[in-house]
Amino acid sequence: MSVKPKAPAILGAHHVAYRCRSAEETRAFYEDLLGLPLATVVKEDAGEAPFLHLFFKLQDGNFIAFFDVAEDPPEDAWRTKDGLRDYHYAMEVSDYEAMMGFKSRLEEANIDVFGPINHGFVHSIYFWDPNGIALEFACRDERYDEIIADEGQGAHQTIEDWSKQRR
């Protein structure tokens, strides 16, 4: 059996991209409400599917991005997902106070917020953007490193046990 060469290193996330209903509605939510600067917009007019690709910069240098496509998708594309168990995008904030500050800010803007939830290693709140995308703000627990290390030691066994239970 041949040995595969080692995979090159993945440096980290650059961006995650979603489709949006409206470039301006999405810009207002992410830039004005959440405070993420609009870093760049790629406009593609050529071809049969013109689009704008918006990039909002996170403090770590990565991005959350959106496509505003000229052709509208079916309306059910915008249905809200379950922010705890389905797709969601989690952004880290500095501490619990910052997370709760965002909770207040979102509620003042009439955005439904679920939480805070204590997941052990992180504390989280969940909410939805105007496109039905589930978002999370998470802050590390003060015992974050210790909890991750402890839980990581049994991670493979936990998966194996779970898999047997589900069969």
N, C-alpha and C. Protein backbone atom coordinates (compact mmCIF):
# COMPACT_ATOMS: atom_id res chain seq x y z
N MET A 1 0.86 -1.17 0.00
CA MET A 1 0.00 0.00 0.00
C MET A 1 0.90 1.23 0.00
N SER A 2 0.60 2.17 -0.88
CA SER A 2 1.42 3.38 -0.96
C SER A 2 1.03 4.37 0.13
N VAL A 3 2.02 5.09 0.58
CA VAL A 3 1.81 6.10 1.62
C VAL A 3 1.50 7.43 0.94
N LYS A 4 0.43 8.04 1.34
CA LYS A 4 0.07 9.34 0.79
C LYS A 4 0.98 10.40 1.37
N PRO A 5 1.37 11.38 0.55
CA PRO A 5 2.16 12.47 1.11
C PRO A 5 1.34 13.25 2.13
N LYS A 6 2.03 13.82 3.08
CA LYS A 6 1.36 14.62 4.11
C LYS A 6 0.63 15.79 3.45
N ALA A 7 -0.58 16.05 3.93
CA ALA A 7 -1.37 17.17 3.40
C ALA A 7 -0.70 18.49 3.77
N PRO A 8 -0.75 19.47 2.88
CA PRO A 8 -0.22 20.79 3.24
C PRO A 8 -1.00 21.37 4.42
N ALA A 9 -0.39 22.28 5.14
CA ALA A 9 -1.03 22.89 6.30
C ALA A 9 -2.16 23.81 5.85
N ILE A 10 -3.27 23.72 6.57
CA ILE A 10 -4.37 24.66 6.39
C ILE A 10 -4.16 25.76 7.41
N LEU A 11 -4.03 26.98 6.95
CA LEU A 11 -3.65 28.08 7.82
C LEU A 11 -4.77 28.59 8.71
N GLY A 12 -6.00 28.37 8.32
CA GLY A 12 -7.14 28.86 9.09
C GLY A 12 -8.26 29.21 8.15
N ALA A 13 -9.31 29.77 8.70
CA ALA A 13 -10.43 30.19 7.87
C ALA A 13 -10.10 31.52 7.21
N HIS A 14 -10.45 31.67 5.96
CA HIS A 14 -10.35 32.97 5.29
C HIS A 14 -11.71 33.63 5.31
N HIS A 15 -12.72 32.91 4.83
CA HIS A 15 -14.09 33.41 4.89
C HIS A 15 -15.07 32.26 4.77
N VAL A 16 -16.25 32.51 5.23
CA VAL A 16 -17.39 31.65 4.98
C VAL A 16 -18.36 32.51 4.19
N ALA A 17 -19.02 31.94 3.19
CA ALA A 17 -19.89 32.74 2.32
C ALA A 17 -21.29 32.16 2.29
N TYR A 18 -22.25 33.07 2.28
CA TYR A 18 -23.66 32.73 2.21
C TYR A 18 -24.31 33.58 1.12
N ARG A 19 -25.49 33.19 0.72
CA ARG A 19 -26.28 34.01 -0.18
C ARG A 19 -27.13 34.95 0.66
N CYS A 20 -27.38 36.14 0.14
CA CYS A 20 -28.23 37.09 0.87
C CYS A 20 -29.37 37.58 -0.02
N ARG A 21 -30.41 38.07 0.62
CA ARG A 21 -31.57 38.63 -0.08
C ARG A 21 -31.23 39.95 -0.75
N SER A 22 -30.49 40.79 0.00
CA SER A 22 -30.23 42.16 -0.42
C SER A 22 -28.86 42.59 0.09
N ALA A 23 -28.04 43.09 -0.80
CA ALA A 23 -26.72 43.57 -0.39
C ALA A 23 -26.85 44.68 0.64
N GLU A 24 -27.76 45.61 0.44
CA GLU A 24 -27.89 46.74 1.36
C GLU A 24 -28.45 46.31 2.71
N GLU A 25 -29.45 45.45 2.72
CA GLU A 25 -30.00 44.95 3.99
C GLU A 25 -28.93 44.21 4.78
N THR A 26 -28.15 43.39 4.09
CA THR A 26 -27.09 42.63 4.72
C THR A 26 -25.98 43.56 5.21
N ARG A 27 -25.61 44.56 4.40
CA ARG A 27 -24.60 45.53 4.81
C ARG A 27 -25.03 46.25 6.09
N ALA A 28 -26.26 46.70 6.13
CA ALA A 28 -26.75 47.44 7.29
C ALA A 28 -26.70 46.56 8.55
N PHE A 29 -27.07 45.29 8.43
CA PHE A 29 -27.07 44.39 9.59
C PHE A 29 -25.65 44.16 10.09
N TYR A 30 -24.75 43.77 9.19
CA TYR A 30 -23.39 43.40 9.60
C TYR A 30 -22.52 44.61 9.91
N GLU A 31 -22.66 45.67 9.16
CA GLU A 31 -21.80 46.84 9.38
C GLU A 31 -22.39 47.77 10.45
N ASP A 32 -23.64 48.16 10.30
CA ASP A 32 -24.23 49.14 11.22
C ASP A 32 -24.60 48.54 12.57
N LEU A 33 -25.20 47.34 12.57
CA LEU A 33 -25.65 46.74 13.83
C LEU A 33 -24.54 45.96 14.53
N LEU A 34 -23.85 45.08 13.80
CA LEU A 34 -22.82 44.25 14.43
C LEU A 34 -21.45 44.92 14.46
N GLY A 35 -21.25 45.99 13.67
CA GLY A 35 -19.99 46.72 13.71
C GLY A 35 -18.86 46.10 12.92
N LEU A 36 -19.17 45.20 11.98
CA LEU A 36 -18.12 44.61 11.15
C LEU A 36 -17.89 45.50 9.93
N PRO A 37 -16.66 45.95 9.71
CA PRO A 37 -16.43 46.82 8.55
C PRO A 37 -16.58 46.08 7.23
N LEU A 38 -17.21 46.75 6.28
CA LEU A 38 -17.29 46.23 4.92
C LEU A 38 -15.90 46.41 4.31
N ALA A 39 -15.21 45.31 4.08
CA ALA A 39 -13.81 45.37 3.64
C ALA A 39 -13.70 45.53 2.13
N THR A 40 -14.50 44.80 1.39
CA THR A 40 -14.44 44.87 -0.06
C THR A 40 -15.71 44.29 -0.65
N VAL A 41 -15.98 44.65 -1.89
CA VAL A 41 -17.09 44.11 -2.64
C VAL A 41 -16.57 43.74 -4.02
N VAL A 42 -16.83 42.52 -4.44
CA VAL A 42 -16.48 42.06 -5.78
C VAL A 42 -17.75 42.10 -6.60
N LYS A 43 -17.72 42.82 -7.71
CA LYS A 43 -18.89 42.92 -8.58
C LYS A 43 -18.58 42.17 -9.87
N GLU A 44 -19.45 41.25 -10.23
CA GLU A 44 -19.29 40.47 -11.45
C GLU A 44 -20.51 40.69 -12.32
N ASP A 45 -20.31 41.41 -13.43
CA ASP A 45 -21.42 41.69 -14.34
C ASP A 45 -21.46 40.74 -15.53
N ALA A 46 -20.34 40.11 -15.82
CA ALA A 46 -20.24 39.28 -17.02
C ALA A 46 -21.04 37.99 -16.85
N GLY A 47 -21.45 37.43 -17.96
CA GLY A 47 -22.11 36.14 -17.94
C GLY A 47 -23.59 36.25 -17.60
N GLU A 48 -24.18 35.09 -17.36
CA GLU A 48 -25.62 35.00 -17.16
C GLU A 48 -26.03 35.20 -15.71
N ALA A 49 -25.11 35.21 -14.78
CA ALA A 49 -25.46 35.31 -13.36
C ALA A 49 -24.65 36.41 -12.67
N PRO A 50 -24.98 37.67 -12.93
CA PRO A 50 -24.25 38.75 -12.26
C PRO A 50 -24.46 38.69 -10.74
N PHE A 51 -23.44 39.14 -9.99
CA PHE A 51 -23.54 39.10 -8.53
C PHE A 51 -22.63 40.15 -7.91
N LEU A 52 -22.93 40.43 -6.64
CA LEU A 52 -22.02 41.16 -5.75
C LEU A 52 -21.58 40.17 -4.70
N HIS A 53 -20.31 40.23 -4.32
CA HIS A 53 -19.77 39.39 -3.26
C HIS A 53 -19.22 40.33 -2.20
N LEU A 54 -19.90 40.42 -1.06
CA LEU A 54 -19.56 41.35 0.01
C LEU A 54 -18.71 40.64 1.07
N PHE A 55 -17.68 41.31 1.55
CA PHE A 55 -16.80 40.75 2.58
C PHE A 55 -16.76 41.67 3.78
N PHE A 56 -17.14 41.15 4.95
CA PHE A 56 -17.09 41.89 6.20
C PHE A 56 -15.94 41.33 7.03
N LYS A 57 -15.08 42.23 7.51
CA LYS A 57 -13.84 41.80 8.17
C LYS A 57 -14.02 41.63 9.67
N LEU A 58 -13.58 40.48 10.15
CA LEU A 58 -13.53 40.19 11.57
C LEU A 58 -12.19 40.68 12.11
N GLN A 59 -12.10 40.89 13.40
CA GLN A 59 -10.89 41.45 13.98
C GLN A 59 -9.67 40.55 13.79
N ASP A 60 -9.86 39.25 13.63
CA ASP A 60 -8.72 38.35 13.43
C ASP A 60 -8.23 38.33 11.99
N GLY A 61 -8.85 39.14 11.12
CA GLY A 61 -8.41 39.21 9.73
C GLY A 61 -9.20 38.32 8.79
N ASN A 62 -10.08 37.47 9.31
CA ASN A 62 -10.92 36.63 8.48
C ASN A 62 -12.21 37.37 8.14
N PHE A 63 -13.06 36.74 7.33
CA PHE A 63 -14.23 37.42 6.82
C PHE A 63 -15.48 36.55 6.90
N ILE A 64 -16.63 37.21 6.96
CA ILE A 64 -17.90 36.57 6.66
C ILE A 64 -18.37 37.27 5.39
N ALA A 65 -18.78 36.48 4.40
CA ALA A 65 -19.05 37.03 3.08
C ALA A 65 -20.44 36.62 2.60
N PHE A 66 -20.94 37.38 1.63
CA PHE A 66 -22.29 37.14 1.11
C PHE A 66 -22.32 37.37 -0.39
N PHE A 67 -23.16 36.59 -1.06
CA PHE A 67 -23.44 36.77 -2.48
C PHE A 67 -24.83 37.37 -2.63
N ASP A 68 -24.92 38.49 -3.31
CA ASP A 68 -26.22 39.02 -3.74
C ASP A 68 -26.27 38.75 -5.24
N VAL A 69 -27.11 37.80 -5.62
CA VAL A 69 -27.19 37.35 -7.00
C VAL A 69 -28.43 37.98 -7.64
N ALA A 70 -28.29 38.40 -8.88
CA ALA A 70 -29.39 39.08 -9.57
C ALA A 70 -30.63 38.21 -9.65
N GLU A 71 -30.45 36.91 -9.84
CA GLU A 71 -31.58 35.98 -9.94
C GLU A 71 -31.98 35.53 -8.54
N ASP A 72 -33.24 35.75 -8.17
CA ASP A 72 -33.71 35.38 -6.84
C ASP A 72 -33.90 33.87 -6.71
N PRO A 73 -33.48 33.31 -5.56
CA PRO A 73 -33.76 31.89 -5.31
C PRO A 73 -35.20 31.73 -4.86
N PRO A 74 -35.67 30.49 -4.74
CA PRO A 74 -37.02 30.26 -4.21
C PRO A 74 -37.12 30.83 -2.80
N GLU A 75 -38.28 31.29 -2.40
CA GLU A 75 -38.48 31.94 -1.10
C GLU A 75 -38.09 31.02 0.06
N ASP A 76 -38.27 29.69 -0.08
CA ASP A 76 -37.92 28.81 1.03
C ASP A 76 -36.42 28.75 1.29
N ALA A 77 -35.62 29.32 0.38
CA ALA A 77 -34.17 29.40 0.63
C ALA A 77 -33.87 30.26 1.84
N TRP A 78 -34.79 31.12 2.22
CA TRP A 78 -34.58 32.06 3.32
C TRP A 78 -35.16 31.57 4.63
N ARG A 79 -35.64 30.33 4.67
CA ARG A 79 -36.22 29.86 5.93
C ARG A 79 -35.13 29.80 7.01
N THR A 80 -35.53 30.12 8.21
CA THR A 80 -34.61 30.14 9.34
C THR A 80 -34.22 28.72 9.71
N LYS A 81 -32.96 28.54 10.01
CA LYS A 81 -32.45 27.26 10.47
C LYS A 81 -32.41 27.26 11.99
N ASP A 82 -32.33 26.10 12.60
CA ASP A 82 -32.17 25.97 14.04
C ASP A 82 -30.74 26.36 14.39
N GLY A 83 -30.57 27.43 15.12
CA GLY A 83 -29.26 27.96 15.43
C GLY A 83 -28.41 27.09 16.34
N LEU A 84 -29.00 26.11 17.00
CA LEU A 84 -28.21 25.24 17.87
C LEU A 84 -27.73 23.99 17.16
N ARG A 85 -28.57 23.41 16.31
CA ARG A 85 -28.23 22.10 15.76
C ARG A 85 -28.02 22.08 14.26
N ASP A 86 -28.50 23.07 13.55
CA ASP A 86 -28.28 23.11 12.11
C ASP A 86 -27.09 24.03 11.84
N TYR A 87 -27.02 24.51 10.65
CA TYR A 87 -25.93 25.38 10.25
C TYR A 87 -25.96 26.68 11.04
N HIS A 88 -24.81 27.06 11.55
CA HIS A 88 -24.68 28.38 12.15
C HIS A 88 -23.23 28.81 12.06
N TYR A 89 -23.04 30.10 12.12
CA TYR A 89 -21.70 30.68 12.06
C TYR A 89 -21.42 31.31 13.42
N ALA A 90 -20.39 30.83 14.09
CA ALA A 90 -20.05 31.30 15.43
C ALA A 90 -18.89 32.29 15.34
N MET A 91 -19.09 33.43 15.98
CA MET A 91 -18.04 34.45 16.05
C MET A 91 -17.66 34.64 17.51
N GLU A 92 -16.37 34.71 17.76
CA GLU A 92 -15.88 34.85 19.13
C GLU A 92 -15.83 36.31 19.53
N VAL A 93 -16.30 36.59 20.75
CA VAL A 93 -16.16 37.91 21.35
C VAL A 93 -15.25 37.79 22.56
N SER A 94 -14.78 38.93 23.04
CA SER A 94 -13.72 38.94 24.05
C SER A 94 -14.11 38.32 25.38
N ASP A 95 -15.33 38.54 25.83
CA ASP A 95 -15.72 38.04 27.14
C ASP A 95 -17.24 38.05 27.28
N TYR A 96 -17.71 37.58 28.44
CA TYR A 96 -19.14 37.46 28.71
C TYR A 96 -19.82 38.81 28.64
N GLU A 97 -19.18 39.83 29.17
CA GLU A 97 -19.75 41.18 29.16
C GLU A 97 -19.98 41.67 27.72
N ALA A 98 -19.02 41.43 26.85
CA ALA A 98 -19.17 41.83 25.45
C ALA A 98 -20.32 41.06 24.80
N MET A 99 -20.41 39.77 25.08
CA MET A 99 -21.49 38.96 24.52
C MET A 99 -22.84 39.48 24.97
N MET A 100 -22.96 39.78 26.25
CA MET A 100 -24.23 40.28 26.77
C MET A 100 -24.52 41.69 26.25
N GLY A 101 -23.48 42.46 25.98
CA GLY A 101 -23.66 43.77 25.35
C GLY A 101 -24.27 43.61 23.96
N PHE A 102 -23.81 42.61 23.21
CA PHE A 102 -24.40 42.34 21.91
C PHE A 102 -25.84 41.86 22.06
N LYS A 103 -26.11 41.06 23.09
CA LYS A 103 -27.48 40.60 23.31
C LYS A 103 -28.41 41.80 23.49
N SER A 104 -28.02 42.74 24.30
CA SER A 104 -28.83 43.94 24.52
C SER A 104 -28.99 44.73 23.23
N ARG A 105 -27.90 44.90 22.50
CA ARG A 105 -27.93 45.66 21.24
C ARG A 105 -28.87 45.02 20.23
N LEU A 106 -28.81 43.70 20.12
CA LEU A 106 -29.68 42.98 19.20
C LEU A 106 -31.14 43.09 19.61
N GLU A 107 -31.41 42.91 20.90
CA GLU A 107 -32.79 43.00 21.38
C GLU A 107 -33.35 44.40 21.18
N GLU A 108 -32.52 45.42 21.37
CA GLU A 108 -32.96 46.80 21.13
C GLU A 108 -33.32 47.02 19.66
N ALA A 109 -32.71 46.24 18.76
CA ALA A 109 -33.01 46.31 17.33
C ALA A 109 -34.12 45.33 16.94
N ASN A 110 -34.82 44.80 17.95
CA ASN A 110 -35.92 43.84 17.75
C ASN A 110 -35.49 42.56 17.06
N ILE A 111 -34.29 42.11 17.36
CA ILE A 111 -33.78 40.83 16.88
C ILE A 111 -33.98 39.81 18.01
N ASP A 112 -34.61 38.67 17.71
CA ASP A 112 -34.78 37.62 18.71
C ASP A 112 -33.42 37.01 19.02
N VAL A 113 -33.14 36.85 20.32
CA VAL A 113 -31.87 36.29 20.78
C VAL A 113 -32.18 35.13 21.72
N PHE A 114 -31.51 34.00 21.51
CA PHE A 114 -31.67 32.83 22.34
C PHE A 114 -30.41 32.67 23.20
N GLY A 115 -30.56 32.57 24.48
CA GLY A 115 -29.42 32.41 25.37
C GLY A 115 -29.29 33.58 26.31
N PRO A 116 -28.28 33.55 27.13
CA PRO A 116 -27.02 32.80 26.99
C PRO A 116 -27.15 31.33 27.39
N ILE A 117 -26.31 30.53 26.76
CA ILE A 117 -26.22 29.10 27.04
C ILE A 117 -24.79 28.79 27.47
N ASN A 118 -24.66 28.02 28.52
CA ASN A 118 -23.36 27.59 29.00
C ASN A 118 -23.06 26.22 28.40
N HIS A 119 -22.13 26.18 27.45
CA HIS A 119 -21.73 24.92 26.82
C HIS A 119 -20.52 24.30 27.53
N GLY A 120 -20.15 24.83 28.67
CA GLY A 120 -18.97 24.35 29.37
C GLY A 120 -17.75 25.17 28.98
N PHE A 121 -17.17 24.86 27.85
CA PHE A 121 -15.96 25.55 27.42
C PHE A 121 -16.23 26.94 26.85
N VAL A 122 -17.47 27.18 26.36
CA VAL A 122 -17.87 28.50 25.88
C VAL A 122 -19.28 28.81 26.36
N HIS A 123 -19.60 30.10 26.34
CA HIS A 123 -20.94 30.60 26.61
C HIS A 123 -21.40 31.26 25.32
N SER A 124 -22.67 31.09 24.95
CA SER A 124 -23.13 31.53 23.64
C SER A 124 -24.50 32.18 23.68
N ILE A 125 -24.71 33.06 22.71
CA ILE A 125 -26.05 33.53 22.36
C ILE A 125 -26.22 33.25 20.88
N TYR A 126 -27.48 33.04 20.47
CA TYR A 126 -27.81 32.73 19.08
C TYR A 126 -28.86 33.70 18.57
N PHE A 127 -28.76 34.04 17.30
CA PHE A 127 -29.71 34.95 16.67
C PHE A 127 -29.65 34.73 15.17
N TRP A 128 -30.51 35.40 14.42
CA TRP A 128 -30.60 35.18 12.99
C TRP A 128 -30.45 36.51 12.26
N ASP A 129 -29.75 36.47 11.13
CA ASP A 129 -29.60 37.68 10.31
C ASP A 129 -30.83 37.81 9.41
N PRO A 130 -30.92 38.89 8.62
CA PRO A 130 -32.10 39.08 7.77
C PRO A 130 -32.28 38.01 6.69
N ASN A 131 -31.25 37.19 6.45
CA ASN A 131 -31.31 36.14 5.44
C ASN A 131 -31.71 34.79 6.02
N GLY A 132 -32.02 34.73 7.31
CA GLY A 132 -32.35 33.48 7.97
C GLY A 132 -31.13 32.68 8.38
N ILE A 133 -29.94 33.28 8.34
CA ILE A 133 -28.71 32.59 8.71
C ILE A 133 -28.54 32.65 10.22
N ALA A 134 -28.36 31.49 10.83
CA ALA A 134 -28.17 31.42 12.27
C ALA A 134 -26.75 31.85 12.61
N LEU A 135 -26.65 32.77 13.57
CA LEU A 135 -25.36 33.28 14.02
C LEU A 135 -25.22 33.03 15.51
N GLU A 136 -23.98 32.94 15.94
CA GLU A 136 -23.67 32.74 17.35
C GLU A 136 -22.56 33.70 17.74
N PHE A 137 -22.70 34.31 18.90
CA PHE A 137 -21.58 34.98 19.55
C PHE A 137 -21.18 34.09 20.71
N ALA A 138 -19.91 33.76 20.79
CA ALA A 138 -19.39 32.88 21.83
C ALA A 138 -18.22 33.55 22.53
N CYS A 139 -18.15 33.35 23.84
CA CYS A 139 -16.98 33.79 24.59
C CYS A 139 -16.44 32.59 25.36
N ARG A 140 -15.15 32.57 25.48
CA ARG A 140 -14.50 31.44 26.15
C ARG A 140 -14.76 31.48 27.66
N ASP A 141 -14.99 30.30 28.22
CA ASP A 141 -15.08 30.17 29.67
C ASP A 141 -13.69 30.40 30.26
N GLU A 142 -13.63 30.84 31.48
CA GLU A 142 -12.32 31.10 32.11
C GLU A 142 -11.49 29.82 32.22
N ARG A 143 -12.11 28.65 32.18
CA ARG A 143 -11.41 27.37 32.22
C ARG A 143 -11.32 26.73 30.82
N TYR A 144 -11.44 27.53 29.77
CA TYR A 144 -11.50 27.07 28.39
C TYR A 144 -10.41 26.04 28.06
N ASP A 145 -9.15 26.40 28.25
CA ASP A 145 -8.04 25.51 27.87
C ASP A 145 -8.10 24.19 28.64
N GLU A 146 -8.38 24.27 29.92
CA GLU A 146 -8.46 23.07 30.76
C GLU A 146 -9.61 22.16 30.30
N ILE A 147 -10.76 22.74 30.03
CA ILE A 147 -11.92 21.96 29.60
C ILE A 147 -11.66 21.31 28.25
N ILE A 148 -11.11 22.07 27.30
CA ILE A 148 -10.79 21.52 25.97
C ILE A 148 -9.81 20.35 26.11
N ALA A 149 -8.78 20.53 26.91
CA ALA A 149 -7.78 19.46 27.08
C ALA A 149 -8.41 18.22 27.70
N ASP A 150 -9.22 18.40 28.75
CA ASP A 150 -9.86 17.26 29.41
C ASP A 150 -10.81 16.53 28.47
N GLU A 151 -11.67 17.28 27.78
CA GLU A 151 -12.64 16.65 26.89
C GLU A 151 -11.97 16.06 25.65
N GLY A 152 -10.88 16.66 25.22
CA GLY A 152 -10.17 16.16 24.04
C GLY A 152 -9.56 14.78 24.26
N GLN A 153 -9.19 14.48 25.49
CA GLN A 153 -8.58 13.18 25.78
C GLN A 153 -9.52 12.02 25.50
N GLY A 154 -10.81 12.22 25.68
CA GLY A 154 -11.77 11.15 25.45
C GLY A 154 -12.59 11.33 24.19
N ALA A 155 -12.19 12.24 23.31
CA ALA A 155 -13.01 12.59 22.15
C ALA A 155 -13.27 11.40 21.22
N HIS A 156 -12.24 10.62 20.92
CA HIS A 156 -12.43 9.48 20.01
C HIS A 156 -13.37 8.44 20.62
N GLN A 157 -13.22 8.20 21.91
CA GLN A 157 -14.09 7.22 22.58
C GLN A 157 -15.53 7.73 22.61
N THR A 158 -15.71 9.01 22.83
CA THR A 158 -17.05 9.59 22.85
C THR A 158 -17.73 9.39 21.51
N ILE A 159 -17.00 9.61 20.42
CA ILE A 159 -17.56 9.41 19.08
C ILE A 159 -17.90 7.94 18.86
N GLU A 160 -16.99 7.05 19.27
CA GLU A 160 -17.25 5.62 19.10
C GLU A 160 -18.49 5.20 19.87
N ASP A 161 -18.61 5.65 21.11
CA ASP A 161 -19.78 5.31 21.93
C ASP A 161 -21.06 5.86 21.31
N TRP A 162 -21.01 7.09 20.86
CA TRP A 162 -22.18 7.71 20.22
C TRP A 162 -22.61 6.93 18.99
N SER A 163 -21.62 6.54 18.17
CA SER A 163 -21.90 5.81 16.93
C SER A 163 -22.56 4.48 17.23
N LYS A 164 -22.12 3.78 18.25
CA LYS A 164 -22.73 2.51 18.63
C LYS A 164 -24.17 2.72 19.09
N GLN A 165 -24.38 3.78 19.86
CA GLN A 165 -25.71 4.09 20.37
C GLN A 165 -26.67 4.39 19.24
N ARG A 166 -26.20 5.05 18.20
CA ARG A 166 -27.06 5.47 17.08
C ARG A 166 -27.36 4.32 16.13
N ARG A 167 -26.57 3.26 16.14
CA ARG A 167 -26.77 2.17 15.17
C ARG A 167 -28.02 1.42 15.46
